[in-house]
Amino acid sequence: MVVAMLAAVLSCSPGDETMLIPKFVPRISVVGWEYWSDVAVAKGCRLQRHAVYDGYRILDGADKCVAAGSREKCEKEWAYRVSTGLATPYEGEVVVLLHGVLRSSRNTATLGKRLEEQGFNVVRLDYASTCLPLEKHAENLGRVVASLNGATTIHLVGHSMGGLVTRRYLGNGKPDPRIKRIVMLGTPNRGSEVADVVADLKLYGFILGPAGQELCTDKKAVGVACTLPQGIEAAVVAGGLGRKPGINPLLKVDNDGLVTVESTKLEGACDFLQVKAHHGALMRNAEVAEAVAEFLRRGKLRPEAKASS
């Protein structure tokens, strides 16, 4: 009963329509927004899909739920809002920001603001990081990219798991030809040694969900889609201290507290940068924001810098 009530609250269902909520919900999310993933975005409007049941909702620019129900109903509301100017399609050069596991778009706010100050149109996505496997997250990301029909160029910037979602999307068939550059911040491209230690704990699986199990270094999942499609440039930014043992002494090598510097490196990336910052601070770091903006504009993380491996 408690689970059903919580799910009902999270569904944001209006009184004129009853949502079909299963009697048993597999997990209770640590934070409510983790049940919902963006599948289409515009200025002043977001279409989201629920991770547990096949329900949809629309959020306005103030993140207020203005419609909920079937996909068909919400898509009609979406079309109405776009046609009346309540929602405006993104245009020109667009940067899509993906947060990491157990995070939300709030964690990409600082980086998003700094990129907007640099002249970029920024989309800060939300996705149900702990409720779905990487494959499903990649599918939802593909729907978001397709919804950006006014964009001429699209860049993807992912923090931690957000980088893995980006890679999975790029590796699932032919990506959108408008995608030009991607940046991965603290992404465990070769797996996380911390995940290796705690992956067998039931609490780990309960909190991080199916995608969390794909973070281990011995899982092939982190290696899927490692080859970047032609025409897309990628850069990697890692956190650490520049010396051993790094922020987390238990990892013995340089690391950002959760991910080793070596694990962030990705074959095929054209540039790499290490900054003195812990894992969670990468999204708020001014040096990181400058490097991201530089790479998105010119294909290099540092002005006049040569690409490094």
Protein backbone atom coordinates (compact mmCIF):
# COMPACT_ATOMS: atom_id res chain seq x y z
CA MET A 1 0.00 0.00 0.00
CA VAL A 2 2.79 2.44 0.91
CA VAL A 3 4.63 1.66 -2.30
CA ALA A 4 1.52 2.22 -4.40
CA MET A 5 0.82 5.53 -2.65
CA LEU A 6 4.36 6.73 -3.24
CA ALA A 7 4.17 5.74 -6.88
CA ALA A 8 0.88 7.59 -7.21
CA VAL A 9 2.40 10.74 -5.81
CA LEU A 10 5.40 10.47 -8.10
CA SER A 11 3.18 9.93 -11.12
CA CYS A 12 1.76 13.46 -10.72
CA SER A 13 -1.46 12.15 -12.20
CA PRO A 14 -4.28 14.73 -12.61
CA GLY A 15 -7.70 14.07 -11.15
CA ASP A 16 -9.42 13.56 -14.50
CA GLU A 17 -7.40 10.48 -15.42
CA THR A 18 -6.37 7.43 -13.40
CA MET A 19 -2.87 6.12 -14.03
CA LEU A 20 -2.37 2.36 -14.19
CA ILE A 21 0.14 1.75 -11.40
CA PRO A 22 1.27 -1.83 -10.70
CA LYS A 23 0.57 -3.31 -7.27
CA PHE A 24 4.27 -3.94 -6.83
CA VAL A 25 6.94 -1.38 -7.65
CA PRO A 26 10.42 -3.00 -7.81
CA ARG A 27 12.33 -0.30 -5.93
CA ILE A 28 11.82 2.84 -3.94
CA SER A 29 13.93 5.61 -5.40
CA VAL A 30 16.18 7.52 -3.01
CA VAL A 31 14.83 10.71 -4.55
CA GLY A 32 11.56 10.97 -6.42
CA TRP A 33 12.81 12.46 -9.69
CA GLU A 34 14.81 9.30 -10.39
CA TYR A 35 11.64 7.58 -11.55
CA TRP A 36 11.30 9.92 -14.52
CA SER A 37 13.41 10.32 -17.66
CA ASP A 38 13.21 13.12 -20.21
CA VAL A 39 12.31 11.88 -23.69
CA ALA A 40 11.65 15.25 -25.37
CA VAL A 41 12.71 18.78 -24.46
CA ALA A 42 11.93 22.34 -25.47
CA LYS A 43 12.28 25.70 -23.77
CA GLY A 44 9.48 25.79 -21.22
CA CYS A 45 8.44 22.17 -21.58
CA ARG A 46 9.70 18.62 -20.96
CA LEU A 47 8.08 15.31 -21.83
CA GLN A 48 9.03 12.55 -19.38
CA ARG A 49 8.52 8.80 -19.25
CA HIS A 50 8.18 6.80 -16.03
CA ALA A 51 10.75 4.06 -15.44
CA VAL A 52 8.40 1.54 -13.82
CA TYR A 53 5.12 1.74 -15.72
CA ASP A 54 4.34 3.06 -19.19
CA GLY A 55 3.19 6.48 -18.05
CA TYR A 56 4.11 9.93 -19.29
CA ARG A 57 3.92 13.48 -17.96
CA ILE A 58 4.72 17.00 -19.09
CA LEU A 59 6.55 19.53 -16.94
CA ASP A 60 6.45 23.25 -17.67
CA GLY A 61 9.34 25.68 -17.29
CA ALA A 62 8.84 25.79 -13.51
CA ASP A 63 8.91 21.96 -13.31
CA LYS A 64 5.19 21.90 -12.58
CA CYS A 65 3.30 18.87 -13.87
CA VAL A 66 0.72 20.17 -16.37
CA ALA A 67 -0.37 16.87 -17.94
CA ALA A 68 -0.02 13.16 -17.22
CA GLY A 69 -1.32 9.94 -18.69
CA SER A 70 -0.74 8.02 -21.89
CA ARG A 71 1.93 8.82 -24.43
CA GLU A 72 -0.71 9.88 -26.93
CA LYS A 73 -2.33 12.31 -24.50
CA CYS A 74 0.96 13.93 -23.49
CA GLU A 75 2.20 14.18 -27.07
CA LYS A 76 -1.00 16.05 -27.98
CA GLU A 77 -0.42 18.43 -25.08
CA TRP A 78 3.19 18.81 -26.24
CA ALA A 79 2.10 19.72 -29.76
CA TYR A 80 -0.41 22.23 -28.39
CA ARG A 81 2.20 23.96 -26.25
CA VAL A 82 4.67 24.21 -29.12
CA SER A 83 1.99 25.54 -31.52
CA THR A 84 0.82 28.19 -29.04
CA GLY A 85 4.29 29.33 -27.97
CA LEU A 86 4.09 27.92 -24.45
CA ALA A 87 7.09 25.82 -25.47
CA THR A 88 9.82 26.91 -27.88
CA PRO A 89 12.11 24.45 -29.72
CA TYR A 90 15.83 24.79 -29.11
CA GLU A 91 17.67 26.17 -32.13
CA GLY A 92 21.23 26.49 -33.37
CA GLU A 93 24.12 24.95 -31.44
CA VAL A 94 22.75 22.96 -28.49
CA VAL A 95 24.63 21.33 -25.61
CA VAL A 96 22.94 18.45 -23.77
CA LEU A 97 24.14 17.84 -20.18
CA LEU A 98 23.70 14.42 -18.54
CA HIS A 99 24.15 14.03 -14.79
CA GLY A 100 25.63 10.99 -13.04
CA VAL A 101 24.04 8.23 -10.96
CA LEU A 102 21.95 9.32 -7.95
CA ARG A 103 22.01 12.87 -9.32
CA SER A 104 19.61 15.13 -11.16
CA SER A 105 19.69 18.12 -13.49
CA ARG A 106 20.25 20.27 -10.40
CA ASN A 107 23.82 18.97 -10.33
CA THR A 108 24.47 20.29 -13.83
CA ALA A 109 23.13 23.78 -13.08
CA THR A 110 26.50 25.45 -12.47
CA LEU A 111 28.12 24.01 -15.58
CA GLY A 112 25.01 24.81 -17.59
CA LYS A 113 25.03 28.44 -16.50
CA ARG A 114 28.71 28.84 -17.37
CA LEU A 115 28.16 27.35 -20.82
CA GLU A 116 25.18 29.63 -21.40
CA GLU A 117 27.42 32.58 -20.54
CA GLN A 118 29.71 31.33 -23.31
CA GLY A 119 26.83 31.57 -25.78
CA PHE A 120 25.62 27.94 -25.91
CA ASN A 121 22.00 26.81 -25.78
CA VAL A 122 21.98 24.32 -22.90
CA VAL A 123 19.63 21.44 -22.13
CA ARG A 124 19.98 19.92 -18.66
CA LEU A 125 18.47 16.44 -18.78
CA ASP A 126 16.92 14.35 -16.04
CA TYR A 127 16.94 10.57 -16.29
CA ALA A 128 16.06 7.72 -13.94
CA SER A 129 19.67 6.77 -13.30
CA THR A 130 19.01 4.07 -10.69
CA CYS A 131 15.95 2.44 -12.25
CA LEU A 132 17.04 1.35 -15.72
CA PRO A 133 20.04 -0.27 -17.44
CA LEU A 134 22.33 1.77 -19.68
CA GLU A 135 20.63 0.46 -22.80
CA LYS A 136 17.28 1.99 -21.78
CA HIS A 137 18.91 5.27 -20.79
CA ALA A 138 20.55 5.38 -24.22
CA GLU A 139 17.17 4.77 -25.86
CA ASN A 140 15.64 7.70 -23.98
CA LEU A 141 18.60 9.91 -24.87
CA GLY A 142 18.03 9.07 -28.52
CA ARG A 143 14.44 10.28 -28.22
CA VAL A 144 15.63 13.53 -26.64
CA VAL A 145 18.11 14.13 -29.45
CA ALA A 146 15.41 13.45 -32.04
CA SER A 147 13.13 16.01 -30.33
CA LEU A 148 15.71 18.77 -30.89
CA ASN A 149 14.45 19.32 -34.43
CA GLY A 150 15.42 22.99 -34.42
CA ALA A 151 19.06 22.34 -33.55
CA THR A 152 21.72 22.50 -36.25
CA THR A 153 24.57 21.15 -34.10
CA ILE A 154 24.33 19.01 -30.96
CA HIS A 155 27.04 18.36 -28.35
CA LEU A 156 26.75 15.89 -25.47
CA VAL A 157 28.46 16.38 -22.08
CA GLY A 158 28.13 13.58 -19.53
CA HIS A 159 29.27 13.40 -15.93
CA SER A 160 30.21 9.94 -14.61
CA MET A 161 27.43 7.53 -15.67
CA GLY A 162 26.14 10.22 -18.02
CA GLY A 163 29.22 9.63 -20.13
CA LEU A 164 28.48 5.90 -20.30
CA VAL A 165 24.91 6.64 -21.37
CA THR A 166 26.31 8.88 -24.11
CA ARG A 167 28.68 6.18 -25.31
CA ARG A 168 25.95 3.56 -25.36
CA TYR A 169 23.71 5.84 -27.40
CA LEU A 170 26.47 6.55 -29.90
CA GLY A 171 27.18 2.84 -30.27
CA ASN A 172 23.57 1.79 -30.87
CA GLY A 173 23.37 2.06 -34.60
CA LYS A 174 23.75 5.33 -36.46
CA PRO A 175 23.67 8.37 -34.17
CA ASP A 176 22.08 11.65 -35.18
CA PRO A 177 24.35 13.28 -37.82
CA ARG A 178 24.06 16.64 -36.04
CA ILE A 179 26.12 15.39 -33.09
CA LYS A 180 29.60 16.87 -33.37
CA ARG A 181 31.46 16.68 -30.05
CA ILE A 182 31.13 14.91 -26.69
CA VAL A 183 32.87 15.43 -23.36
CA MET A 184 33.02 12.89 -20.54
CA LEU A 185 33.68 14.17 -17.00
CA GLY A 186 34.92 11.59 -14.49
CA THR A 187 33.34 8.79 -16.53
CA PRO A 188 34.57 5.27 -15.59
CA ASN A 189 35.17 4.27 -19.20
CA ARG A 190 37.15 1.23 -18.08
CA GLY A 191 34.98 0.49 -15.06
CA SER A 192 35.06 1.61 -11.44
CA GLU A 193 37.26 -0.12 -8.90
CA VAL A 194 34.98 1.14 -6.14
CA ALA A 195 32.08 -0.64 -7.81
CA ASP A 196 34.18 -3.83 -7.87
CA VAL A 197 34.45 -3.74 -4.09
CA VAL A 198 30.79 -3.11 -3.27
CA ALA A 199 28.94 -4.62 -6.23
CA ASP A 200 28.06 -7.84 -4.37
CA LEU A 201 26.41 -5.98 -1.51
CA LYS A 202 22.62 -6.04 -1.63
CA LEU A 203 22.48 -2.41 -0.54
CA TYR A 204 24.57 -1.40 -3.57
CA GLY A 205 22.16 -3.07 -5.97
CA PHE A 206 19.16 -1.62 -4.15
CA ILE A 207 20.46 1.95 -4.32
CA LEU A 208 22.17 2.05 -7.71
CA GLY A 209 19.91 -0.35 -9.59
CA PRO A 210 20.69 -2.22 -12.81
CA ALA A 211 22.98 0.40 -14.32
CA GLY A 212 25.12 0.33 -11.17
CA GLN A 213 25.94 -3.31 -11.86
CA GLU A 214 27.36 -2.29 -15.22
CA LEU A 215 30.05 -0.11 -13.67
CA CYS A 216 32.42 -2.88 -12.58
CA THR A 217 35.76 -3.23 -14.35
CA ASP A 218 35.10 -6.89 -15.18
CA LYS A 219 31.78 -6.16 -16.87
CA LYS A 220 31.76 -6.01 -20.65
CA ALA A 221 29.06 -3.36 -20.41
CA VAL A 222 31.57 -0.55 -19.88
CA GLY A 223 33.39 -1.64 -23.01
CA VAL A 224 30.33 -1.68 -25.24
CA ALA A 225 30.40 1.01 -27.92
CA CYS A 226 33.98 1.89 -27.09
CA THR A 227 34.71 2.71 -30.73
CA LEU A 228 33.46 6.21 -31.38
CA PRO A 229 31.55 6.79 -34.63
CA GLN A 230 33.37 8.62 -37.38
CA GLY A 231 32.89 12.35 -37.44
CA ILE A 232 32.33 12.69 -33.68
CA GLU A 233 35.12 14.15 -31.55
CA ALA A 234 35.43 13.14 -27.90
CA ALA A 235 37.36 14.51 -24.93
CA VAL A 236 37.85 13.21 -21.39
CA VAL A 237 38.27 15.25 -18.19
CA ALA A 238 39.41 13.44 -15.04
CA GLY A 239 39.71 14.54 -11.43
CA GLY A 240 42.57 13.73 -9.07
CA LEU A 241 45.57 15.11 -7.25
CA GLY A 242 48.24 14.51 -9.88
CA ARG A 243 50.01 12.02 -7.63
CA LYS A 244 49.57 8.70 -5.90
CA PRO A 245 47.48 7.63 -4.09
CA GLY A 246 44.96 10.31 -5.06
CA ILE A 247 41.91 11.52 -3.14
CA ASN A 248 40.89 8.02 -2.04
CA PRO A 249 44.01 6.31 -0.61
CA LEU A 250 42.34 2.90 -0.82
CA LEU A 251 42.56 2.99 -4.61
CA LYS A 252 46.38 3.37 -4.38
CA VAL A 253 46.63 5.23 -7.70
CA ASP A 254 45.58 8.76 -8.60
CA ASN A 255 41.79 9.15 -8.47
CA ASP A 256 38.93 11.57 -7.86
CA GLY A 257 37.63 9.67 -4.84
CA LEU A 258 35.49 7.24 -6.85
CA VAL A 259 37.10 6.78 -10.27
CA THR A 260 40.80 6.37 -11.06
CA VAL A 261 42.38 8.66 -13.61
CA GLU A 262 43.40 5.69 -15.72
CA SER A 263 39.84 4.37 -15.80
CA THR A 264 38.52 7.58 -17.36
CA LYS A 265 40.70 7.27 -20.45
CA LEU A 266 39.00 6.17 -23.65
CA GLU A 267 40.52 4.90 -26.85
CA GLY A 268 39.61 7.19 -29.71
CA ALA A 269 39.30 10.35 -27.59
CA CYS A 270 41.18 13.25 -29.14
CA ASP A 271 42.02 15.14 -25.95
CA PHE A 272 42.45 14.52 -22.22
CA LEU A 273 42.71 16.84 -19.22
CA GLN A 274 43.20 16.21 -15.52
CA VAL A 275 42.16 18.77 -12.91
CA LYS A 276 42.51 18.87 -9.14
CA ALA A 277 38.94 18.11 -8.11
CA HIS A 278 36.98 15.30 -6.53
CA HIS A 279 34.36 13.36 -8.46
CA GLY A 280 31.27 15.33 -7.46
CA ALA A 281 32.98 18.71 -7.88
CA LEU A 282 33.80 18.28 -11.56
CA MET A 283 30.45 19.75 -12.57
CA ARG A 284 31.06 22.87 -10.46
CA ASN A 285 34.73 23.40 -11.31
CA ALA A 286 35.46 26.62 -13.23
CA GLU A 287 38.49 25.13 -14.97
CA VAL A 288 36.39 22.21 -16.18
CA ALA A 289 33.70 24.57 -17.52
CA GLU A 290 36.31 26.57 -19.45
CA ALA A 291 37.81 23.39 -20.88
CA VAL A 292 34.41 22.05 -21.93
CA ALA A 293 33.50 25.31 -23.66
CA GLU A 294 36.88 25.41 -25.39
CA PHE A 295 36.51 21.87 -26.67
CA LEU A 296 32.97 22.40 -27.91
CA ARG A 297 34.08 25.49 -29.83
CA ARG A 298 37.48 24.40 -31.19
CA GLY A 299 38.00 20.69 -30.52
CA LYS A 300 40.68 21.22 -27.86
CA LEU A 301 40.31 21.33 -24.08
CA ARG A 302 42.99 24.01 -23.73
CA PRO A 303 43.79 26.94 -26.01
CA GLU A 304 46.72 26.16 -28.31
CA ALA A 305 47.09 22.78 -26.61
CA LYS A 306 47.98 19.65 -28.46
CA ALA A 307 45.78 16.60 -27.93
CA SER A 308 47.18 14.19 -25.36
CA SER A 309 46.43 10.55 -24.62
